[in-house]
Amino acid sequence: MARLASQAKAGFYPTPDSVCELIKSKLSFEKDARALDPCCGKGRSLSRLASPHTITYGVELDHQRATEAKTRLFKAVWGDALTEARISSQAFGLLYLNPPYDTAINAIHTDDKRLEHQFLRSYSRTL
């Protein structure tokens, strides 16, 4: 897909169901484990990966997708996960991250020109 079309979708490319099932087959969760998806979209991927006793959290930039994610996740909020979300260190046992892959407009660090790198840098501490 062309870059402009990708940006129009805000980089939203949901993980295919077959990939979710493969990932899920490799995971096991303790009771009341906490899982975070800072680019949760409609919440489908994280809700499919989690077991029934997993506490799921999501952040989504698009209002309509965030509203839909609220129906699938324990807690989902509408906002910018890079600039607005404040999450404690080591608060989660699983970080599911499928961020937008694009050049960052305002790089947080001068060497961080890619959005996916910014997300990885910002969210790896939550584990």
C-alpha atoms as a PDB file:
ATOM      1  CA  MET A   1       0.000   0.000   0.000  1.00  0.00           C
ATOM      2  CA  ALA A   2       1.271   3.476  -0.791  1.00  0.00           C
ATOM      3  CA  ARG A   3       2.561   5.553   2.108  1.00  0.00           C
ATOM      4  CA  LEU A   4      -0.246   8.160   1.880  1.00  0.00           C
ATOM      5  CA  ALA A   5      -2.908   5.456   1.984  1.00  0.00           C
ATOM      6  CA  SER A   6      -1.178   3.901   4.989  1.00  0.00           C
ATOM      7  CA  GLN A   7      -1.081   7.246   6.781  1.00  0.00           C
ATOM      8  CA  ALA A   8      -4.773   7.795   6.038  1.00  0.00           C
ATOM      9  CA  LYS A   9      -5.457   4.573   7.943  1.00  0.00           C
ATOM     10  CA  ALA A  10      -3.176   5.872  10.755  1.00  0.00           C
ATOM     11  CA  GLY A  11      -0.955   2.854  10.134  1.00  0.00           C
ATOM     12  CA  PHE A  12      -3.785   0.493  11.136  1.00  0.00           C
ATOM     13  CA  TYR A  13      -3.023  -3.025   9.963  1.00  0.00           C
ATOM     14  CA  PRO A  14      -4.630  -5.611  12.248  1.00  0.00           C
ATOM     15  CA  THR A  15      -2.736  -8.799  12.935  1.00  0.00           C
ATOM     16  CA  PRO A  16      -4.247 -11.659  10.889  1.00  0.00           C
ATOM     17  CA  ASP A  17      -6.257 -14.214  12.886  1.00  0.00           C
ATOM     18  CA  SER A  18      -3.888 -17.014  11.836  1.00  0.00           C
ATOM     19  CA  VAL A  19      -0.926 -15.110  13.302  1.00  0.00           C
ATOM     20  CA  CYS A  20      -2.851 -14.455  16.544  1.00  0.00           C
ATOM     21  CA  GLU A  21      -3.595 -18.158  16.864  1.00  0.00           C
ATOM     22  CA  LEU A  22       0.061 -19.070  16.315  1.00  0.00           C
ATOM     23  CA  ILE A  23       1.219 -16.558  18.947  1.00  0.00           C
ATOM     24  CA  LYS A  24      -1.489 -17.730  21.366  1.00  0.00           C
ATOM     25  CA  SER A  25      -0.300 -21.319  21.049  1.00  0.00           C
ATOM     26  CA  LYS A  26       3.095 -20.209  22.411  1.00  0.00           C
ATOM     27  CA  LEU A  27       1.769 -18.294  25.430  1.00  0.00           C
ATOM     28  CA  SER A  28       0.535 -19.222  28.862  1.00  0.00           C
ATOM     29  CA  PHE A  29      -0.731 -16.800  31.477  1.00  0.00           C
ATOM     30  CA  GLU A  30      -0.800 -16.889  35.246  1.00  0.00           C
ATOM     31  CA  LYS A  31      -4.086 -15.994  36.898  1.00  0.00           C
ATOM     32  CA  ASP A  32      -4.693 -12.239  36.802  1.00  0.00           C
ATOM     33  CA  ALA A  33      -1.709 -11.597  34.494  1.00  0.00           C
ATOM     34  CA  ARG A  34      -1.727  -8.117  33.014  1.00  0.00           C
ATOM     35  CA  ALA A  35      -1.308  -7.545  29.269  1.00  0.00           C
ATOM     36  CA  LEU A  36      -0.921  -4.266  27.379  1.00  0.00           C
ATOM     37  CA  ASP A  37      -1.391  -3.305  23.743  1.00  0.00           C
ATOM     38  CA  PRO A  38      -0.464   0.389  23.273  1.00  0.00           C
ATOM     39  CA  CYS A  39      -1.649   0.292  19.637  1.00  0.00           C
ATOM     40  CA  CYS A  40      -4.705  -1.858  20.281  1.00  0.00           C
ATOM     41  CA  GLY A  41      -6.839  -0.873  17.299  1.00  0.00           C
ATOM     42  CA  LYS A  42     -10.217  -2.541  17.831  1.00  0.00           C
ATOM     43  CA  GLY A  43      -8.817  -4.769  20.594  1.00  0.00           C
ATOM     44  CA  ARG A  44      -9.214  -7.972  18.613  1.00  0.00           C
ATOM     45  CA  SER A  45      -5.614  -9.197  18.719  1.00  0.00           C
ATOM     46  CA  LEU A  46      -5.058  -8.793  22.451  1.00  0.00           C
ATOM     47  CA  SER A  47      -8.490 -10.199  23.301  1.00  0.00           C
ATOM     48  CA  ARG A  48      -7.721 -13.279  21.166  1.00  0.00           C
ATOM     49  CA  LEU A  49      -4.277 -13.777  22.718  1.00  0.00           C
ATOM     50  CA  ALA A  50      -5.360 -13.429  26.329  1.00  0.00           C
ATOM     51  CA  SER A  51      -6.777 -16.204  28.429  1.00  0.00           C
ATOM     52  CA  PRO A  52     -10.120 -15.614  30.208  1.00  0.00           C
ATOM     53  CA  HIS A  53      -8.351 -14.661  33.447  1.00  0.00           C
ATOM     54  CA  THR A  54      -5.908 -12.176  31.832  1.00  0.00           C
ATOM     55  CA  ILE A  55      -6.474  -8.480  32.569  1.00  0.00           C
ATOM     56  CA  THR A  56      -6.159  -6.659  29.252  1.00  0.00           C
ATOM     57  CA  TYR A  57      -5.377  -2.984  28.674  1.00  0.00           C
ATOM     58  CA  GLY A  58      -5.188  -1.022  25.446  1.00  0.00           C
ATOM     59  CA  VAL A  59      -4.514   2.438  24.082  1.00  0.00           C
ATOM     60  CA  GLU A  60      -5.747   3.502  20.657  1.00  0.00           C
ATOM     61  CA  LEU A  61      -5.212   6.747  18.728  1.00  0.00           C
ATOM     62  CA  ASP A  62      -8.363   6.480  16.597  1.00  0.00           C
ATOM     63  CA  HIS A  63     -11.558   7.302  18.526  1.00  0.00           C
ATOM     64  CA  GLN A  64     -13.832   4.888  16.661  1.00  0.00           C
ATOM     65  CA  ARG A  65     -11.407   1.967  17.059  1.00  0.00           C
ATOM     66  CA  ALA A  66     -10.849   2.834  20.744  1.00  0.00           C
ATOM     67  CA  THR A  67     -14.615   2.745  21.318  1.00  0.00           C
ATOM     68  CA  GLU A  68     -14.771  -0.728  19.777  1.00  0.00           C
ATOM     69  CA  ALA A  69     -11.745  -1.883  21.804  1.00  0.00           C
ATOM     70  CA  LYS A  70     -13.613  -0.961  24.997  1.00  0.00           C
ATOM     71  CA  THR A  71     -16.072  -3.760  24.217  1.00  0.00           C
ATOM     72  CA  ARG A  72     -13.287  -6.368  23.996  1.00  0.00           C
ATOM     73  CA  LEU A  73     -10.672  -5.370  26.577  1.00  0.00           C
ATOM     74  CA  PHE A  74     -10.860  -4.935  30.350  1.00  0.00           C
ATOM     75  CA  LYS A  75      -9.740  -1.312  29.940  1.00  0.00           C
ATOM     76  CA  ALA A  76      -9.147   0.621  26.729  1.00  0.00           C
ATOM     77  CA  VAL A  77      -8.554   4.325  26.363  1.00  0.00           C
ATOM     78  CA  TRP A  78      -8.528   6.745  23.476  1.00  0.00           C
ATOM     79  CA  GLY A  79      -5.252   8.627  23.226  1.00  0.00           C
ATOM     80  CA  ASP A  80      -1.747   8.861  21.865  1.00  0.00           C
ATOM     81  CA  ALA A  81       0.266   6.053  23.440  1.00  0.00           C
ATOM     82  CA  LEU A  82       3.571   7.797  22.746  1.00  0.00           C
ATOM     83  CA  THR A  83       2.828  11.223  24.197  1.00  0.00           C
ATOM     84  CA  GLU A  84      -0.189  10.902  26.506  1.00  0.00           C
ATOM     85  CA  ALA A  85       0.016   7.507  28.214  1.00  0.00           C
ATOM     86  CA  ARG A  86       1.978   7.181  31.450  1.00  0.00           C
ATOM     87  CA  ILE A  87       2.564   3.583  32.482  1.00  0.00           C
ATOM     88  CA  SER A  88       4.514   2.348  35.461  1.00  0.00           C
ATOM     89  CA  SER A  89       7.681   0.362  34.997  1.00  0.00           C
ATOM     90  CA  GLN A  90       7.213  -3.416  35.173  1.00  0.00           C
ATOM     91  CA  ALA A  91       3.411  -3.085  35.312  1.00  0.00           C
ATOM     92  CA  PHE A  92       2.699  -5.773  32.705  1.00  0.00           C
ATOM     93  CA  GLY A  93       3.640  -9.370  32.023  1.00  0.00           C
ATOM     94  CA  LEU A  94       2.879  -9.151  28.292  1.00  0.00           C
ATOM     95  CA  LEU A  95       3.405  -6.297  25.869  1.00  0.00           C
ATOM     96  CA  TYR A  96       1.708  -6.901  22.542  1.00  0.00           C
ATOM     97  CA  LEU A  97       2.998  -4.296  20.127  1.00  0.00           C
ATOM     98  CA  ASN A  98       2.049  -3.891  16.493  1.00  0.00           C
ATOM     99  CA  PRO A  99       2.824  -0.177  16.085  1.00  0.00           C
ATOM    100  CA  PRO A 100       2.571   1.963  12.975  1.00  0.00           C
ATOM    101  CA  TYR A 101       5.695   1.537  10.855  1.00  0.00           C
ATOM    102  CA  ASP A 102       6.590   4.946   9.485  1.00  0.00           C
ATOM    103  CA  THR A 103       8.996   7.842   9.735  1.00  0.00           C
ATOM    104  CA  ALA A 104       8.398   9.828  12.913  1.00  0.00           C
ATOM    105  CA  ILE A 105       7.382  13.432  12.400  1.00  0.00           C
ATOM    106  CA  ASN A 106       8.718  14.631  15.769  1.00  0.00           C
ATOM    107  CA  ALA A 107      11.429  12.260  16.930  1.00  0.00           C
ATOM    108  CA  ILE A 108      11.656  11.942  20.727  1.00  0.00           C
ATOM    109  CA  HIS A 109      15.380  11.151  20.447  1.00  0.00           C
ATOM    110  CA  THR A 110      17.512  12.461  17.591  1.00  0.00           C
ATOM    111  CA  ASP A 111      18.434   8.894  16.607  1.00  0.00           C
ATOM    112  CA  ASP A 112      14.780   7.740  16.761  1.00  0.00           C
ATOM    113  CA  LYS A 113      13.506   8.498  13.271  1.00  0.00           C
ATOM    114  CA  ARG A 114      11.099   5.544  13.079  1.00  0.00           C
ATOM    115  CA  LEU A 115       7.791   5.286  14.953  1.00  0.00           C
ATOM    116  CA  GLU A 116       8.232   1.590  15.655  1.00  0.00           C
ATOM    117  CA  HIS A 117      11.575   2.315  17.360  1.00  0.00           C
ATOM    118  CA  GLN A 118       9.960   4.989  19.505  1.00  0.00           C
ATOM    119  CA  PHE A 119       7.269   2.556  20.633  1.00  0.00           C
ATOM    120  CA  LEU A 120       9.807  -0.156  21.451  1.00  0.00           C
ATOM    121  CA  ARG A 121      11.992   2.272  23.388  1.00  0.00           C
ATOM    122  CA  SER A 122       9.053   3.726  25.313  1.00  0.00           C
ATOM    123  CA  TYR A 123       7.222   0.513  26.130  1.00  0.00           C
ATOM    124  CA  SER A 124       9.932  -2.100  26.802  1.00  0.00           C
ATOM    125  CA  ARG A 125      10.244  -0.707  30.349  1.00  0.00           C
ATOM    126  CA  THR A 126       6.612  -1.638  31.095  1.00  0.00           C
ATOM    127  CA  LEU A 127       7.547  -5.326  31.219  1.00  0.00           C
END
